[in-house]
Amino acid sequence: MKLDIKSKKGTEIITTPIIIALGILMVAVLIVFSIKIIMPYIWYEKLSSTCLKYVFIMEEYGYLTNLEEKNLMKELKKQGFMEKKVKVNCTKKQQKYGYPIYLNVSYTYELELPVVGKKQVEMTINRESVSKR
């Protein structure tokens, strides 16, 4: 049996774009999946840097004032955190110079993965320092 190459010539025109389109689709799915997996780390870093800023403020006052706690919540909300999923635990009474202070902030991030579904990721930042007041 002899194959006639001239009769198969048109199949390249049809199959090549299909293979390229499938390849692009696979790469796009992998990129989206990778971004979804990386997002909790990005949120954790945002939360961590904000907490560090407020520990410096706490060092100045010796505790987290009600006004500064409201400002912390406003700043987190402005960054995209849902206020109802944020829990703040901190030093509430003014401490003397050299006494320990702490700030614990927890956030529940909802991770949505295409194949796995929704998953709750708990992020907790614990910062400790001493009062500089």
N, C-alpha and C. Protein backbone atom coordinates (compact mmCIF):
# COMPACT_ATOMS: atom_id res chain seq x y z
N MET A 1 0.84 -1.18 0.00
CA MET A 1 0.00 0.00 0.00
C MET A 1 0.88 1.24 0.00
N LYS A 2 0.62 2.09 -0.91
CA LYS A 2 1.41 3.29 -1.07
C LYS A 2 0.62 4.49 -0.55
N LEU A 3 1.31 5.28 0.30
CA LEU A 3 0.66 6.49 0.84
C LEU A 3 0.87 7.64 -0.12
N ASP A 4 -0.17 8.34 -0.34
CA ASP A 4 -0.08 9.49 -1.20
C ASP A 4 0.00 10.74 -0.32
N ILE A 5 1.19 11.34 -0.23
CA ILE A 5 1.43 12.50 0.64
C ILE A 5 0.62 13.70 0.18
N LYS A 6 0.39 13.83 -1.07
CA LYS A 6 -0.35 14.98 -1.57
C LYS A 6 -1.78 15.00 -1.05
N SER A 7 -2.37 13.87 -0.81
CA SER A 7 -3.76 13.83 -0.31
C SER A 7 -3.82 14.16 1.18
N LYS A 8 -2.71 14.04 1.93
CA LYS A 8 -2.68 14.33 3.37
C LYS A 8 -2.26 15.77 3.66
N LYS A 9 -1.95 16.55 2.68
CA LYS A 9 -1.43 17.89 2.83
C LYS A 9 -2.37 18.82 3.61
N GLY A 10 -3.63 18.73 3.46
CA GLY A 10 -4.59 19.63 4.10
C GLY A 10 -4.75 19.40 5.59
N THR A 11 -4.37 18.23 6.07
CA THR A 11 -4.54 17.94 7.50
C THR A 11 -3.63 18.80 8.37
N GLU A 12 -2.46 19.19 7.87
CA GLU A 12 -1.56 20.05 8.62
C GLU A 12 -2.19 21.41 8.89
N ILE A 13 -2.91 21.91 7.94
CA ILE A 13 -3.56 23.22 8.08
C ILE A 13 -4.62 23.18 9.18
N ILE A 14 -5.26 22.06 9.37
CA ILE A 14 -6.32 21.92 10.38
C ILE A 14 -5.74 21.57 11.75
N THR A 15 -4.82 20.63 11.80
CA THR A 15 -4.33 20.14 13.10
C THR A 15 -3.36 21.09 13.80
N THR A 16 -2.55 21.81 13.08
CA THR A 16 -1.58 22.71 13.70
C THR A 16 -2.25 23.78 14.56
N PRO A 17 -3.25 24.51 14.08
CA PRO A 17 -3.92 25.51 14.94
C PRO A 17 -4.62 24.87 16.15
N ILE A 18 -5.15 23.67 15.97
CA ILE A 18 -5.81 22.99 17.09
C ILE A 18 -4.79 22.64 18.18
N ILE A 19 -3.65 22.13 17.78
CA ILE A 19 -2.60 21.78 18.74
C ILE A 19 -2.08 23.04 19.44
N ILE A 20 -1.88 24.10 18.70
CA ILE A 20 -1.41 25.37 19.29
C ILE A 20 -2.45 25.91 20.27
N ALA A 21 -3.72 25.87 19.90
CA ALA A 21 -4.79 26.36 20.78
C ALA A 21 -4.86 25.53 22.07
N LEU A 22 -4.74 24.22 21.97
CA LEU A 22 -4.74 23.36 23.16
C LEU A 22 -3.53 23.66 24.05
N GLY A 23 -2.39 23.89 23.45
CA GLY A 23 -1.18 24.24 24.21
C GLY A 23 -1.35 25.55 24.96
N ILE A 24 -1.90 26.55 24.29
CA ILE A 24 -2.14 27.85 24.93
C ILE A 24 -3.15 27.71 26.06
N LEU A 25 -4.19 26.92 25.85
CA LEU A 25 -5.20 26.68 26.89
C LEU A 25 -4.58 26.01 28.12
N MET A 26 -3.72 25.04 27.90
CA MET A 26 -3.06 24.35 29.01
C MET A 26 -2.17 25.30 29.80
N VAL A 27 -1.42 26.14 29.10
CA VAL A 27 -0.55 27.11 29.76
C VAL A 27 -1.39 28.11 30.56
N ALA A 28 -2.49 28.57 29.98
CA ALA A 28 -3.36 29.53 30.68
C ALA A 28 -3.94 28.91 31.95
N VAL A 29 -4.36 27.66 31.89
CA VAL A 29 -4.90 26.97 33.07
C VAL A 29 -3.83 26.85 34.14
N LEU A 30 -2.62 26.50 33.77
CA LEU A 30 -1.51 26.39 34.72
C LEU A 30 -1.18 27.74 35.37
N ILE A 31 -1.20 28.80 34.59
CA ILE A 31 -0.92 30.14 35.12
C ILE A 31 -1.99 30.53 36.14
N VAL A 32 -3.25 30.35 35.80
CA VAL A 32 -4.35 30.69 36.72
C VAL A 32 -4.25 29.86 37.99
N PHE A 33 -3.99 28.59 37.87
CA PHE A 33 -3.87 27.71 39.03
C PHE A 33 -2.69 28.14 39.91
N SER A 34 -1.57 28.50 39.30
CA SER A 34 -0.40 28.95 40.05
C SER A 34 -0.68 30.25 40.80
N ILE A 35 -1.35 31.18 40.15
CA ILE A 35 -1.68 32.45 40.79
C ILE A 35 -2.60 32.21 41.98
N LYS A 36 -3.58 31.35 41.83
CA LYS A 36 -4.50 31.04 42.94
C LYS A 36 -3.76 30.45 44.13
N ILE A 37 -2.76 29.60 43.86
CA ILE A 37 -2.00 28.99 44.94
C ILE A 37 -1.10 30.02 45.63
N ILE A 38 -0.57 30.98 44.90
CA ILE A 38 0.35 31.98 45.45
C ILE A 38 -0.40 33.07 46.24
N MET A 39 -1.65 33.32 45.95
CA MET A 39 -2.40 34.41 46.59
C MET A 39 -2.38 34.40 48.12
N PRO A 40 -2.55 33.26 48.81
CA PRO A 40 -2.48 33.31 50.28
C PRO A 40 -1.16 33.86 50.80
N TYR A 41 -0.06 33.58 50.12
CA TYR A 41 1.23 34.10 50.55
C TYR A 41 1.30 35.62 50.40
N ILE A 42 0.72 36.12 49.34
CA ILE A 42 0.68 37.57 49.12
C ILE A 42 -0.16 38.24 50.20
N TRP A 43 -1.32 37.66 50.53
CA TRP A 43 -2.18 38.21 51.60
C TRP A 43 -1.48 38.14 52.95
N TYR A 44 -0.75 37.06 53.19
CA TYR A 44 -0.02 36.91 54.45
C TYR A 44 1.02 38.02 54.59
N GLU A 45 1.74 38.31 53.53
CA GLU A 45 2.76 39.36 53.57
C GLU A 45 2.14 40.74 53.80
N LYS A 46 1.00 41.00 53.19
CA LYS A 46 0.29 42.27 53.42
C LYS A 46 -0.09 42.40 54.89
N LEU A 47 -0.64 41.33 55.43
CA LEU A 47 -1.07 41.31 56.83
C LEU A 47 0.14 41.48 57.76
N SER A 48 1.21 40.80 57.46
CA SER A 48 2.41 40.86 58.28
C SER A 48 3.01 42.26 58.31
N SER A 49 3.11 42.90 57.17
CA SER A 49 3.70 44.25 57.12
C SER A 49 2.84 45.27 57.84
N THR A 50 1.52 45.13 57.74
CA THR A 50 0.62 46.04 58.45
C THR A 50 0.74 45.84 59.96
N CYS A 51 0.84 44.60 60.39
CA CYS A 51 1.00 44.31 61.83
C CYS A 51 2.31 44.89 62.36
N LEU A 52 3.36 44.78 61.58
CA LEU A 52 4.65 45.33 62.00
C LEU A 52 4.56 46.84 62.19
N LYS A 53 3.87 47.49 61.29
CA LYS A 53 3.69 48.95 61.40
C LYS A 53 2.97 49.31 62.70
N TYR A 54 1.94 48.53 63.05
CA TYR A 54 1.17 48.84 64.25
C TYR A 54 1.90 48.42 65.53
N VAL A 55 2.83 47.50 65.45
CA VAL A 55 3.66 47.19 66.62
C VAL A 55 4.55 48.40 66.94
N PHE A 56 5.06 49.05 65.92
CA PHE A 56 5.86 50.26 66.14
C PHE A 56 5.02 51.35 66.81
N ILE A 57 3.77 51.46 66.40
CA ILE A 57 2.86 52.43 67.02
C ILE A 57 2.60 52.03 68.47
N MET A 58 2.40 50.73 68.71
CA MET A 58 2.17 50.25 70.06
C MET A 58 3.37 50.52 70.97
N GLU A 59 4.57 50.39 70.43
CA GLU A 59 5.77 50.68 71.22
C GLU A 59 5.76 52.12 71.71
N GLU A 60 5.28 53.02 70.87
CA GLU A 60 5.25 54.45 71.23
C GLU A 60 4.25 54.72 72.36
N TYR A 61 3.07 54.10 72.30
CA TYR A 61 2.02 54.34 73.30
C TYR A 61 2.08 53.36 74.46
N GLY A 62 2.71 52.23 74.29
CA GLY A 62 2.75 51.21 75.32
C GLY A 62 1.61 50.21 75.23
N TYR A 63 0.71 50.41 74.28
CA TYR A 63 -0.42 49.51 74.03
C TYR A 63 -1.10 49.95 72.74
N LEU A 64 -2.11 49.21 72.30
CA LEU A 64 -2.86 49.59 71.10
C LEU A 64 -4.10 50.34 71.55
N THR A 65 -4.13 51.63 71.28
CA THR A 65 -5.27 52.46 71.66
C THR A 65 -6.49 52.08 70.82
N ASN A 66 -7.66 52.47 71.30
CA ASN A 66 -8.89 52.18 70.54
C ASN A 66 -8.85 52.85 69.17
N LEU A 67 -8.34 54.07 69.14
CA LEU A 67 -8.26 54.80 67.86
C LEU A 67 -7.32 54.07 66.90
N GLU A 68 -6.18 53.62 67.39
CA GLU A 68 -5.23 52.92 66.52
C GLU A 68 -5.77 51.55 66.10
N GLU A 69 -6.56 50.91 66.95
CA GLU A 69 -7.18 49.64 66.57
C GLU A 69 -8.18 49.85 65.44
N LYS A 70 -8.93 50.96 65.52
CA LYS A 70 -9.86 51.29 64.43
C LYS A 70 -9.09 51.61 63.15
N ASN A 71 -7.97 52.32 63.29
CA ASN A 71 -7.14 52.63 62.12
C ASN A 71 -6.56 51.36 61.50
N LEU A 72 -6.17 50.41 62.35
CA LEU A 72 -5.67 49.12 61.86
C LEU A 72 -6.74 48.42 61.03
N MET A 73 -7.96 48.38 61.57
CA MET A 73 -9.05 47.73 60.84
C MET A 73 -9.36 48.46 59.53
N LYS A 74 -9.34 49.79 59.55
CA LYS A 74 -9.57 50.58 58.33
C LYS A 74 -8.51 50.27 57.28
N GLU A 75 -7.26 50.22 57.73
CA GLU A 75 -6.17 49.96 56.79
C GLU A 75 -6.27 48.56 56.19
N LEU A 76 -6.61 47.58 57.02
CA LEU A 76 -6.76 46.22 56.50
C LEU A 76 -7.92 46.14 55.52
N LYS A 77 -9.02 46.83 55.85
CA LYS A 77 -10.18 46.85 54.95
C LYS A 77 -9.81 47.51 53.62
N LYS A 78 -9.03 48.58 53.70
CA LYS A 78 -8.60 49.30 52.50
C LYS A 78 -7.71 48.41 51.61
N GLN A 79 -6.95 47.51 52.24
CA GLN A 79 -6.09 46.60 51.49
C GLN A 79 -6.86 45.42 50.90
N GLY A 80 -8.13 45.26 51.27
CA GLY A 80 -8.95 44.19 50.69
C GLY A 80 -9.34 43.09 51.66
N PHE A 81 -8.92 43.20 52.92
CA PHE A 81 -9.30 42.20 53.91
C PHE A 81 -10.75 42.41 54.32
N MET A 82 -11.47 41.32 54.54
CA MET A 82 -12.85 41.41 55.01
C MET A 82 -12.83 41.59 56.53
N GLU A 83 -13.47 42.65 56.98
CA GLU A 83 -13.41 43.02 58.39
C GLU A 83 -13.94 41.92 59.31
N LYS A 84 -14.97 41.21 58.87
CA LYS A 84 -15.57 40.19 59.72
C LYS A 84 -14.68 38.95 59.87
N LYS A 85 -13.66 38.81 59.01
CA LYS A 85 -12.76 37.66 59.08
C LYS A 85 -11.45 37.99 59.81
N VAL A 86 -11.33 39.23 60.30
CA VAL A 86 -10.12 39.66 61.00
C VAL A 86 -10.38 39.62 62.50
N LYS A 87 -9.43 39.02 63.23
CA LYS A 87 -9.50 38.99 64.69
C LYS A 87 -8.23 39.61 65.23
N VAL A 88 -8.39 40.58 66.14
CA VAL A 88 -7.24 41.27 66.73
C VAL A 88 -7.21 40.99 68.22
N ASN A 89 -6.05 40.58 68.68
CA ASN A 89 -5.81 40.37 70.10
C ASN A 89 -4.50 41.09 70.42
N CYS A 90 -4.54 41.98 71.41
CA CYS A 90 -3.36 42.80 71.66
C CYS A 90 -3.31 43.27 73.11
N THR A 91 -2.22 43.93 73.44
CA THR A 91 -2.08 44.55 74.76
C THR A 91 -3.08 45.71 74.83
N LYS A 92 -3.97 45.66 75.81
CA LYS A 92 -5.03 46.67 75.92
C LYS A 92 -4.76 47.72 76.99
N LYS A 93 -3.82 47.43 77.91
CA LYS A 93 -3.50 48.39 78.97
C LYS A 93 -2.10 48.93 78.74
N GLN A 94 -1.95 50.20 79.05
CA GLN A 94 -0.66 50.84 78.83
C GLN A 94 0.42 50.20 79.70
N GLN A 95 1.53 49.87 79.05
CA GLN A 95 2.66 49.25 79.74
C GLN A 95 3.77 50.28 79.95
N LYS A 96 4.51 50.10 81.03
CA LYS A 96 5.65 50.99 81.31
C LYS A 96 6.81 50.63 80.40
N TYR A 97 7.80 51.49 80.40
CA TYR A 97 8.99 51.30 79.57
C TYR A 97 9.63 49.94 79.86
N GLY A 98 9.89 49.17 78.79
CA GLY A 98 10.57 47.89 78.92
C GLY A 98 9.66 46.70 79.14
N TYR A 99 8.38 46.95 79.41
CA TYR A 99 7.45 45.84 79.63
C TYR A 99 6.99 45.28 78.28
N PRO A 100 6.67 43.99 78.23
CA PRO A 100 6.30 43.38 76.95
C PRO A 100 4.92 43.83 76.45
N ILE A 101 4.83 43.93 75.15
CA ILE A 101 3.55 44.19 74.46
C ILE A 101 3.44 43.17 73.33
N TYR A 102 2.21 42.93 72.89
CA TYR A 102 2.02 41.95 71.81
C TYR A 102 0.86 42.37 70.92
N LEU A 103 0.90 41.87 69.71
CA LEU A 103 -0.18 42.06 68.74
C LEU A 103 -0.35 40.76 67.98
N ASN A 104 -1.53 40.19 68.06
CA ASN A 104 -1.87 38.97 67.32
C ASN A 104 -3.04 39.30 66.40
N VAL A 105 -2.85 39.09 65.12
CA VAL A 105 -3.91 39.33 64.14
C VAL A 105 -4.12 38.05 63.34
N SER A 106 -5.37 37.59 63.29
CA SER A 106 -5.72 36.39 62.54
C SER A 106 -6.66 36.77 61.41
N TYR A 107 -6.52 36.07 60.30
CA TYR A 107 -7.40 36.29 59.16
C TYR A 107 -7.68 34.95 58.50
N THR A 108 -8.92 34.73 58.14
CA THR A 108 -9.31 33.50 57.45
C THR A 108 -9.48 33.82 55.97
N TYR A 109 -8.58 33.27 55.16
CA TYR A 109 -8.60 33.49 53.71
C TYR A 109 -9.30 32.32 53.05
N GLU A 110 -10.20 32.62 52.14
CA GLU A 110 -10.91 31.56 51.43
C GLU A 110 -10.24 31.32 50.08
N LEU A 111 -9.60 30.16 49.97
CA LEU A 111 -8.88 29.79 48.76
C LEU A 111 -9.81 28.96 47.88
N GLU A 112 -9.98 29.42 46.64
CA GLU A 112 -10.81 28.70 45.67
C GLU A 112 -9.92 28.13 44.58
N LEU A 113 -9.85 26.82 44.52
CA LEU A 113 -9.08 26.16 43.47
C LEU A 113 -10.04 25.46 42.52
N PRO A 114 -9.78 25.52 41.23
CA PRO A 114 -10.70 24.94 40.24
C PRO A 114 -11.06 23.48 40.47
N VAL A 115 -10.10 22.64 40.78
CA VAL A 115 -10.36 21.21 40.92
C VAL A 115 -10.73 20.85 42.36
N VAL A 116 -10.04 21.44 43.33
CA VAL A 116 -10.20 21.11 44.73
C VAL A 116 -11.45 21.73 45.34
N GLY A 117 -11.77 22.95 44.96
CA GLY A 117 -12.92 23.66 45.52
C GLY A 117 -12.46 24.70 46.53
N LYS A 118 -13.34 25.06 47.47
CA LYS A 118 -13.03 26.09 48.46
C LYS A 118 -12.34 25.47 49.67
N LYS A 119 -11.36 26.23 50.18
CA LYS A 119 -10.63 25.79 51.35
C LYS A 119 -10.31 27.01 52.21
N GLN A 120 -10.47 26.88 53.53
CA GLN A 120 -10.19 27.97 54.45
C GLN A 120 -8.71 27.92 54.85
N VAL A 121 -8.00 29.03 54.69
CA VAL A 121 -6.61 29.13 55.09
C VAL A 121 -6.53 30.13 56.23
N GLU A 122 -6.09 29.66 57.39
CA GLU A 122 -5.98 30.52 58.57
C GLU A 122 -4.59 31.16 58.61
N MET A 123 -4.57 32.49 58.66
CA MET A 123 -3.31 33.23 58.75
C MET A 123 -3.25 33.89 60.11
N THR A 124 -2.17 33.71 60.82
CA THR A 124 -2.01 34.33 62.13
C THR A 124 -0.64 34.99 62.21
N ILE A 125 -0.66 36.25 62.57
CA ILE A 125 0.57 37.01 62.74
C ILE A 125 0.72 37.30 64.23
N ASN A 126 1.84 36.89 64.82
CA ASN A 126 2.14 37.15 66.23
C ASN A 126 3.37 38.04 66.29
N ARG A 127 3.20 39.22 66.83
CA ARG A 127 4.31 40.15 66.98
C ARG A 127 4.44 40.52 68.45
N GLU A 128 5.67 40.54 68.93
CA GLU A 128 5.95 40.93 70.30
C GLU A 128 7.05 41.96 70.32
N SER A 129 6.99 42.84 71.30
CA SER A 129 8.00 43.86 71.47
C SER A 129 7.96 44.34 72.91
N VAL A 130 8.59 45.46 73.17
CA VAL A 130 8.54 46.06 74.50
C VAL A 130 8.12 47.52 74.37
N SER A 131 7.50 48.00 75.42
CA SER A 131 7.04 49.38 75.42
C SER A 131 8.22 50.33 75.46
N LYS A 132 8.14 51.39 74.68
CA LYS A 132 9.19 52.41 74.66
C LYS A 132 8.70 53.69 75.33
N ARG A 133 7.59 53.61 76.01
CA ARG A 133 6.99 54.79 76.66
C ARG A 133 7.55 55.00 78.02
